Amino acid sequence: MIGSKKYLEQLRDIPTPFYFYDMDLLRATLDAVTSEANKYGYKIHYAMKANFSDRIIAEMKKYGLGMDCVSGGEVRKSIESGIPASEVVFAGVAKTDEEIRYGLEHGIFSFNCESREELEVINAIAGQMGKVADIALRINPDVDPMTHKHISTGKADNKFGISYQEVDEVIKELAELKNLNIVGLHFHIGSQITEIKPFEYLSLRVNTIQEWFEEKGFELKHINVGGGLGIDYADPATHPIPDFATYFAVFHQHLKLREGQTVHFELGRSIVGQCGELLTSVLYNKVTGSGIRIALVDAGFTELMRPALYGASHRIENLSSSEGRQKYMIAGPICESTDVFARDVELPVTRRGDLLRLMSAGAYGRVMAMNYNLREFPREIFSDDLV
């Protein structure tokens, strides 16, 4: 049994909606990911955008993970949380001058650069500050991640990264950018990838691109292959921890590394996704003119945006009832037609006051919450605090 079911008696009286985190499951996941990565000497940077709760970040620090940041705010939070700047990578397709200066002042591990113009800007700012910026070039490898189009980042028409077709021109320009130190290459093809083949294709494309750079005289200290490993949203109880062994093994088998070269990963969802869930109460039940049963709950897309944003599906369970089975639309209180968590979900007969849980919400849940309709931000409850 995972998640809130283990702590149901302690959670019943807490006002909903709120996020609940099973910290034992988080630590078991961290044990698994670090154990498998250590077999190959791989370095993991936690993708903070998935969940930046102070308690979550503290666990990442305990396990020795670095941080993958996509904004200056995330870089600042990493450093203020005690993560060594030498463990912080800063990606992000549109970094501001202020964010760049902050990273340079603190000597972060690497700026993952995503365009030719960004290289010129960082070079100029570093020159003004009398510094040399360590950078990795984020190359768009044009690899189909076989996932939702809204979370694909490595295809030719995505906004992320430097086109692999531009590599030769970029290499020519780098010779003139004296305040940049090229330390590696960065790739990230997408998110919630549940097939292993895209990672194999990525590895092969990395090998080719690295050869291009070597032919031009570049010695690359590290390769950053991003993240993207998915989780099981349909059956989280059966697969609470992703198959990290197979994931890391495919890179070990297919990447052609040079002596002393390190491999870096940026994992987020696969680490925190299954440990969190959203708890919400049924406010009303109704039946539409077309016969659809609706359970209206006190959480909406202001608390969990993924279904409205991506058409994402979360497993929903009624923790208060086991009587019969009916199909429901689960909808929230927001004054928008897209405020629907699920349609045709089969649940026990659902009544006012029943407690529902939306599982696998530890990643891209609370961090995307907003106060549209003047909604309050949901609380976070951690299993470590329950008696």
Protein backbone atom coordinates (compact mmCIF):
# COMPACT_ATOMS: atom_id res chain seq x y z
CA MET A 1 0.00 0.00 0.00
CA ILE A 2 1.38 3.39 -0.97
CA GLY A 3 0.46 6.98 -0.29
CA SER A 4 -2.49 8.29 1.65
CA LYS A 5 -4.18 4.92 2.25
CA LYS A 6 -1.53 4.13 4.87
CA TYR A 7 -2.33 7.35 6.72
CA LEU A 8 -6.06 7.66 6.09
CA GLU A 9 -7.14 8.05 9.71
CA GLN A 10 -4.70 10.94 10.28
CA LEU A 11 -5.73 12.66 7.04
CA ARG A 12 -9.52 12.48 7.31
CA ASP A 13 -9.91 15.65 9.36
CA ILE A 14 -7.50 17.87 7.41
CA PRO A 15 -9.40 20.43 5.29
CA THR A 16 -9.13 19.71 1.58
CA PRO A 17 -7.76 20.22 -0.98
CA PHE A 18 -4.16 19.46 -0.03
CA TYR A 19 -1.13 17.63 -1.34
CA PHE A 20 0.12 14.61 0.56
CA TYR A 21 3.66 13.22 0.22
CA ASP A 22 4.69 9.69 1.18
CA MET A 23 8.28 10.39 2.24
CA ASP A 24 9.08 6.69 2.72
CA LEU A 25 8.29 6.12 -0.95
CA LEU A 26 10.38 9.14 -1.93
CA ARG A 27 13.37 7.79 -0.02
CA ALA A 28 12.90 4.30 -1.51
CA THR A 29 12.89 5.89 -4.97
CA LEU A 30 16.03 7.87 -4.18
CA ASP A 31 17.70 4.69 -2.92
CA ALA A 32 16.86 2.99 -6.23
CA VAL A 33 17.92 5.80 -8.56
CA THR A 34 21.21 6.53 -6.80
CA SER A 35 22.10 2.83 -6.50
CA GLU A 36 21.58 2.24 -10.23
CA ALA A 37 23.34 5.45 -11.29
CA ASN A 38 26.33 4.73 -9.07
CA LYS A 39 26.95 1.46 -10.93
CA TYR A 40 28.22 3.54 -13.86
CA GLY A 41 29.48 6.61 -12.05
CA TYR A 42 26.61 8.72 -13.42
CA LYS A 43 25.79 12.09 -11.86
CA ILE A 44 22.15 13.04 -11.19
CA HIS A 45 20.88 16.60 -11.07
CA TYR A 46 17.34 16.78 -9.72
CA ALA A 47 15.03 18.74 -12.06
CA MET A 48 13.70 21.26 -9.56
CA LYS A 49 10.84 22.36 -11.80
CA ALA A 50 9.08 19.07 -10.95
CA ASN A 51 8.69 19.97 -7.27
CA PHE A 52 10.54 22.69 -5.35
CA SER A 53 9.10 22.09 -1.88
CA ASP A 54 11.71 22.77 0.81
CA ARG A 55 11.20 19.28 2.26
CA ILE A 56 11.67 17.65 -1.13
CA ILE A 57 14.83 19.65 -1.86
CA ALA A 58 16.22 18.70 1.56
CA GLU A 59 15.88 15.00 0.68
CA MET A 60 17.67 15.52 -2.62
CA LYS A 61 20.52 17.21 -0.78
CA LYS A 62 20.78 14.30 1.69
CA TYR A 63 21.23 11.89 -1.21
CA GLY A 64 23.92 14.03 -2.83
CA LEU A 65 21.97 15.05 -5.91
CA GLY A 66 22.86 18.21 -7.78
CA MET A 67 20.23 20.56 -9.18
CA ASP A 68 18.94 21.15 -12.69
CA CYS A 69 17.45 24.65 -12.88
CA VAL A 70 15.45 26.39 -15.59
CA SER A 71 15.17 29.84 -14.02
CA GLY A 72 17.22 32.23 -11.94
CA GLY A 73 14.78 31.66 -9.10
CA GLU A 74 15.57 27.96 -9.11
CA VAL A 75 19.32 28.66 -9.20
CA ARG A 76 18.91 31.00 -6.22
CA LYS A 77 16.81 28.49 -4.28
CA SER A 78 19.38 25.75 -4.93
CA ILE A 79 22.22 27.83 -3.54
CA GLU A 80 20.20 29.16 -0.62
CA SER A 81 19.19 25.55 0.19
CA GLY A 82 22.85 24.62 0.58
CA ILE A 83 23.37 22.86 -2.74
CA PRO A 84 26.98 23.58 -3.82
CA ALA A 85 27.08 25.91 -6.83
CA SER A 86 29.44 23.40 -8.43
CA GLU A 87 26.48 20.97 -8.54
CA VAL A 88 24.04 23.39 -10.22
CA VAL A 89 23.31 23.39 -13.95
CA PHE A 90 21.27 26.21 -15.44
CA ALA A 91 19.18 25.40 -18.50
CA GLY A 92 16.26 27.47 -19.76
CA VAL A 93 15.58 28.63 -23.28
CA ALA A 94 15.45 32.37 -22.44
CA LYS A 95 17.74 33.37 -19.55
CA THR A 96 17.68 37.04 -18.51
CA ASP A 97 20.85 39.09 -18.10
CA GLU A 98 20.21 39.28 -14.35
CA GLU A 99 19.88 35.50 -14.09
CA ILE A 100 23.11 35.04 -16.03
CA ARG A 101 24.98 37.45 -13.75
CA TYR A 102 23.74 35.64 -10.65
CA GLY A 103 24.96 32.29 -11.98
CA LEU A 104 28.35 33.77 -12.88
CA GLU A 105 28.72 35.44 -9.47
CA HIS A 106 28.22 32.10 -7.73
CA GLY A 107 30.28 29.98 -10.11
CA ILE A 108 27.67 27.42 -11.09
CA PHE A 109 28.72 24.18 -12.76
CA SER A 110 27.39 25.00 -16.21
CA PHE A 111 25.08 27.15 -18.27
CA ASN A 112 23.26 24.90 -20.73
CA CYS A 113 23.06 27.23 -23.74
CA GLU A 114 20.19 26.95 -26.19
CA SER A 115 20.90 29.41 -29.02
CA ARG A 116 23.74 31.10 -30.87
CA GLU A 117 22.63 34.51 -29.59
CA GLU A 118 22.61 33.27 -26.00
CA LEU A 119 26.27 32.30 -26.38
CA GLU A 120 27.08 35.85 -27.47
CA VAL A 121 25.16 37.38 -24.55
CA ILE A 122 26.78 35.18 -21.90
CA ASN A 123 30.18 35.86 -23.40
CA ALA A 124 29.59 39.62 -23.23
CA ILE A 125 28.30 39.56 -19.63
CA ALA A 126 31.14 37.30 -18.48
CA GLY A 127 33.62 39.69 -20.11
CA GLN A 128 32.10 42.66 -18.29
CA MET A 129 32.44 40.77 -14.99
CA GLY A 130 35.98 39.58 -15.69
CA LYS A 131 34.90 35.95 -15.65
CA VAL A 132 34.88 32.92 -17.90
CA ALA A 133 31.58 31.05 -18.08
CA ASP A 134 31.55 27.25 -18.14
CA ILE A 135 28.92 26.25 -20.67
CA ALA A 136 27.41 23.20 -22.27
CA LEU A 137 25.77 23.45 -25.67
CA ARG A 138 22.22 22.17 -25.68
CA ILE A 139 21.85 20.47 -29.03
CA ASN A 140 18.41 19.66 -30.40
CA PRO A 141 19.04 16.14 -31.77
CA ASP A 142 15.71 15.79 -33.64
CA VAL A 143 14.74 12.62 -31.77
CA ASP A 144 11.04 11.77 -31.43
CA PRO A 145 10.42 10.96 -27.73
CA MET A 146 7.14 9.16 -28.56
CA THR A 147 5.27 11.17 -25.96
CA HIS A 148 2.68 13.99 -25.89
CA LYS A 149 3.45 16.81 -28.34
CA HIS A 150 3.23 19.40 -25.56
CA ILE A 151 6.10 17.80 -23.62
CA SER A 152 8.36 16.98 -26.56
CA THR A 153 11.52 19.09 -26.52
CA GLY A 154 14.01 17.37 -28.83
CA LYS A 155 12.34 17.38 -32.24
CA ALA A 156 13.46 19.67 -35.05
CA ASP A 157 10.46 22.01 -34.74
CA ASN A 158 10.68 22.47 -30.93
CA LYS A 159 11.86 25.78 -29.48
CA PHE A 160 14.56 24.17 -27.35
CA GLY A 161 18.25 23.81 -28.10
CA ILE A 162 20.60 24.59 -30.96
CA SER A 163 19.65 22.80 -34.16
CA TYR A 164 22.09 20.00 -34.91
CA GLN A 165 22.17 21.44 -38.45
CA GLU A 166 23.72 24.64 -37.00
CA VAL A 167 26.52 22.89 -35.16
CA ASP A 168 29.23 23.65 -37.73
CA GLU A 169 28.39 27.37 -37.74
CA VAL A 170 28.28 27.50 -33.93
CA ILE A 171 31.69 25.84 -33.70
CA LYS A 172 33.18 28.51 -35.99
CA GLU A 173 31.78 31.31 -33.78
CA LEU A 174 33.01 29.79 -30.52
CA ALA A 175 36.61 30.63 -31.37
CA GLU A 176 35.74 34.33 -31.09
CA LEU A 177 33.94 34.02 -27.74
CA LYS A 178 36.91 34.25 -25.37
CA ASN A 179 34.88 34.35 -22.15
CA LEU A 180 33.26 30.97 -22.68
CA ASN A 181 34.69 27.60 -21.70
CA ILE A 182 32.95 24.71 -23.47
CA VAL A 183 32.79 21.87 -20.96
CA GLY A 184 30.14 19.62 -22.47
CA LEU A 185 27.07 18.90 -24.54
CA HIS A 186 23.50 18.91 -23.26
CA PHE A 187 20.46 17.10 -24.63
CA HIS A 188 16.87 16.66 -23.48
CA ILE A 189 14.30 15.13 -25.82
CA GLY A 190 11.09 15.33 -23.77
CA SER A 191 9.15 14.21 -20.75
CA GLN A 192 7.07 11.22 -19.60
CA ILE A 193 8.87 8.87 -21.98
CA THR A 194 7.80 5.30 -21.30
CA GLU A 195 9.50 3.57 -24.25
CA ILE A 196 13.22 2.78 -24.02
CA LYS A 197 13.95 3.15 -27.75
CA PRO A 198 14.04 6.99 -27.75
CA PHE A 199 16.90 6.89 -25.24
CA GLU A 200 18.78 4.45 -27.45
CA TYR A 201 18.27 6.76 -30.46
CA LEU A 202 19.42 9.71 -28.36
CA SER A 203 22.61 7.89 -27.38
CA LEU A 204 23.46 7.18 -31.01
CA ARG A 205 22.80 10.80 -32.01
CA VAL A 206 24.99 12.00 -29.12
CA ASN A 207 27.82 9.83 -30.40
CA THR A 208 27.62 11.42 -33.85
CA ILE A 209 27.45 14.99 -32.55
CA GLN A 210 30.34 14.44 -30.17
CA GLU A 211 32.47 13.24 -33.08
CA TRP A 212 31.73 16.51 -34.93
CA PHE A 213 33.07 18.49 -31.99
CA GLU A 214 36.16 16.33 -31.59
CA GLU A 215 37.01 16.75 -35.26
CA LYS A 216 37.03 20.52 -34.60
CA GLY A 217 39.44 20.14 -31.68
CA PHE A 218 37.04 20.29 -28.73
CA GLU A 219 37.60 18.11 -25.68
CA LEU A 220 34.32 17.65 -23.85
CA LYS A 221 34.45 16.88 -20.14
CA HIS A 222 30.87 15.84 -19.76
CA ILE A 223 27.75 14.72 -21.61
CA ASN A 224 24.36 15.70 -20.19
CA VAL A 225 21.56 13.55 -21.60
CA GLY A 226 18.75 15.29 -19.70
CA GLY A 227 15.92 13.26 -18.21
CA GLY A 228 12.44 12.36 -19.42
CA LEU A 229 11.90 8.92 -17.88
CA GLY A 230 8.18 8.46 -17.30
CA ILE A 231 6.10 6.96 -14.51
CA ASP A 232 3.05 4.69 -14.46
CA TYR A 233 0.04 6.97 -14.09
CA ALA A 234 -2.43 4.19 -14.83
CA ASP A 235 -1.29 1.73 -12.15
CA PRO A 236 0.95 3.52 -9.64
CA ALA A 237 0.43 0.94 -6.89
CA THR A 238 1.96 -1.80 -9.07
CA HIS A 239 4.83 0.37 -10.30
CA PRO A 240 5.59 2.92 -7.59
CA ILE A 241 9.29 3.13 -8.59
CA PRO A 242 10.39 3.41 -12.25
CA ASP A 243 12.74 0.92 -13.87
CA PHE A 244 15.94 2.88 -13.32
CA ALA A 245 18.08 -0.19 -13.99
CA THR A 246 16.95 -0.50 -17.62
CA TYR A 247 17.04 3.27 -18.12
CA PHE A 248 20.67 3.72 -17.08
CA ALA A 249 21.75 0.49 -18.75
CA VAL A 250 20.65 1.69 -22.21
CA PHE A 251 22.98 4.68 -21.98
CA HIS A 252 25.79 2.49 -20.68
CA GLN A 253 25.33 0.16 -23.62
CA HIS A 254 25.06 2.76 -26.38
CA LEU A 255 26.95 5.91 -25.38
CA LYS A 256 30.55 6.01 -26.60
CA LEU A 257 32.36 7.85 -23.84
CA ARG A 258 35.92 9.13 -23.80
CA GLU A 259 38.35 8.47 -20.96
CA GLY A 260 37.49 10.57 -17.93
CA GLN A 261 34.22 11.83 -19.43
CA THR A 262 31.25 12.04 -17.05
CA VAL A 263 27.59 11.55 -17.85
CA HIS A 264 24.95 13.75 -16.22
CA PHE A 265 21.20 13.19 -15.93
CA GLU A 266 18.38 15.60 -15.07
CA LEU A 267 15.61 13.54 -13.50
CA GLY A 268 12.51 15.02 -11.89
CA ARG A 269 9.17 13.32 -12.44
CA SER A 270 10.62 9.81 -12.15
CA ILE A 271 11.91 10.65 -8.66
CA VAL A 272 9.01 12.59 -7.11
CA GLY A 273 5.99 11.81 -9.27
CA GLN A 274 4.64 8.81 -7.40
CA CYS A 275 5.27 10.03 -3.84
CA GLY A 276 2.70 12.82 -4.04
CA GLU A 277 -1.06 12.93 -4.49
CA LEU A 278 -3.85 15.47 -4.32
CA LEU A 279 -6.61 14.92 -1.76
CA THR A 280 -9.99 16.49 -2.49
CA SER A 281 -13.54 16.22 -1.11
CA VAL A 282 -16.79 15.74 -3.00
CA LEU A 283 -18.98 18.82 -2.65
CA TYR A 284 -21.96 17.90 -4.83
CA ASN A 285 -23.27 15.23 -7.17
CA LYS A 286 -25.40 15.96 -10.22
CA VAL A 287 -26.62 14.39 -13.45
CA THR A 288 -26.54 16.29 -16.75
CA GLY A 289 -29.38 16.38 -19.26
CA SER A 290 -27.48 13.79 -21.29
CA GLY A 291 -27.25 11.46 -18.31
CA ILE A 292 -23.63 12.04 -17.27
CA ARG A 293 -23.02 11.70 -13.54
CA ILE A 294 -20.74 14.43 -12.20
CA ALA A 295 -18.94 14.48 -8.87
CA LEU A 296 -18.01 18.09 -8.16
CA VAL A 297 -14.95 18.34 -5.91
CA ASP A 298 -13.23 21.17 -4.05
CA ALA A 299 -9.98 20.93 -6.06
CA GLY A 300 -9.69 22.26 -9.58
CA PHE A 301 -7.10 23.02 -12.21
CA THR A 302 -5.87 25.75 -9.88
CA GLU A 303 -4.52 22.91 -7.72
CA LEU A 304 -3.64 20.37 -10.45
CA MET A 305 -3.30 21.84 -13.92
CA ARG A 306 -1.99 18.82 -15.84
CA PRO A 307 -5.35 17.37 -17.01
CA ALA A 308 -6.47 20.75 -18.37
CA LEU A 309 -3.06 21.64 -19.80
CA TYR A 310 -1.96 18.32 -21.32
CA GLY A 311 -5.05 16.14 -21.24
CA ALA A 312 -3.13 14.20 -18.58
CA SER A 313 -4.73 11.30 -16.74
CA HIS A 314 -4.32 10.61 -13.01
CA ARG A 315 -5.68 7.54 -11.28
CA ILE A 316 -8.56 8.60 -9.02
CA GLU A 317 -9.76 6.60 -6.02
CA ASN A 318 -12.58 7.13 -3.53
CA LEU A 319 -11.10 6.61 -0.06
CA SER A 320 -14.48 6.83 1.69
CA SER A 321 -16.65 4.36 -0.20
CA SER A 322 -16.56 0.81 -1.55
CA GLU A 323 -20.27 0.50 -2.42
CA GLY A 324 -21.06 -0.53 -6.00
CA ARG A 325 -19.53 1.01 -9.12
CA GLN A 326 -20.66 3.90 -11.31
CA LYS A 327 -19.07 6.04 -14.00
CA TYR A 328 -18.41 9.68 -13.18
CA MET A 329 -17.05 12.87 -14.55
CA ILE A 330 -14.81 14.36 -11.84
CA ALA A 331 -14.94 18.14 -12.14
CA GLY A 332 -13.77 21.08 -10.07
CA PRO A 333 -15.17 24.45 -8.97
CA ILE A 334 -13.33 26.72 -11.42
CA CYS A 335 -15.45 28.78 -13.80
CA GLU A 336 -13.96 27.17 -16.91
CA SER A 337 -15.25 24.23 -18.95
CA THR A 338 -11.78 22.69 -19.00
CA ASP A 339 -11.84 22.24 -15.21
CA VAL A 340 -12.36 18.49 -15.45
CA PHE A 341 -10.01 15.91 -13.96
CA ALA A 342 -11.51 12.84 -15.63
CA ARG A 343 -14.45 11.56 -17.65
CA ASP A 344 -16.02 8.10 -17.49
CA VAL A 345 -13.97 7.12 -14.46
CA GLU A 346 -15.45 4.16 -12.62
CA LEU A 347 -15.71 4.66 -8.86
CA PRO A 348 -17.74 3.36 -5.94
CA VAL A 349 -21.01 5.25 -5.41
CA THR A 350 -19.81 8.74 -4.54
CA ARG A 351 -21.55 11.00 -2.03
CA ARG A 352 -21.09 14.48 -0.63
CA GLY A 353 -18.13 14.55 1.78
CA ASP A 354 -16.32 11.55 0.28
CA LEU A 355 -12.54 11.88 0.16
CA LEU A 356 -10.94 11.28 -3.26
CA ARG A 357 -7.28 11.02 -4.12
CA LEU A 358 -5.65 11.89 -7.43
CA MET A 359 -2.51 9.81 -7.49
CA SER A 360 0.92 10.35 -9.09
CA ALA A 361 0.77 14.10 -8.49
CA GLY A 362 4.16 14.65 -6.86
CA ALA A 363 5.59 16.17 -10.04
CA TYR A 364 4.14 19.23 -11.79
CA GLY A 365 1.31 19.39 -9.27
CA ARG A 366 1.76 21.85 -6.43
CA VAL A 367 4.45 23.76 -8.34
CA MET A 368 1.94 24.68 -11.06
CA ALA A 369 -0.81 25.76 -8.66
CA MET A 370 -2.25 29.24 -9.09
CA ASN A 371 -4.80 31.52 -7.47
CA TYR A 372 -7.12 32.09 -10.42
CA ASN A 373 -10.65 32.78 -9.10
CA LEU A 374 -8.80 34.00 -5.97
CA ARG A 375 -8.22 30.42 -4.92
CA GLU A 376 -5.85 29.77 -2.01
CA PHE A 377 -2.75 27.70 -2.70
CA PRO A 378 -3.15 24.11 -1.43
CA ARG A 379 -1.35 22.98 1.72
CA GLU A 380 1.34 20.30 1.67
CA ILE A 381 1.23 17.47 4.23
CA PHE A 382 4.20 15.13 4.69
CA SER A 383 3.98 11.61 6.06
CA ASP A 384 6.95 12.24 8.36
CA ASP A 385 4.79 14.69 10.33
CA LEU A 386 1.92 12.25 10.94
CA VAL A 387 1.82 10.28 14.19
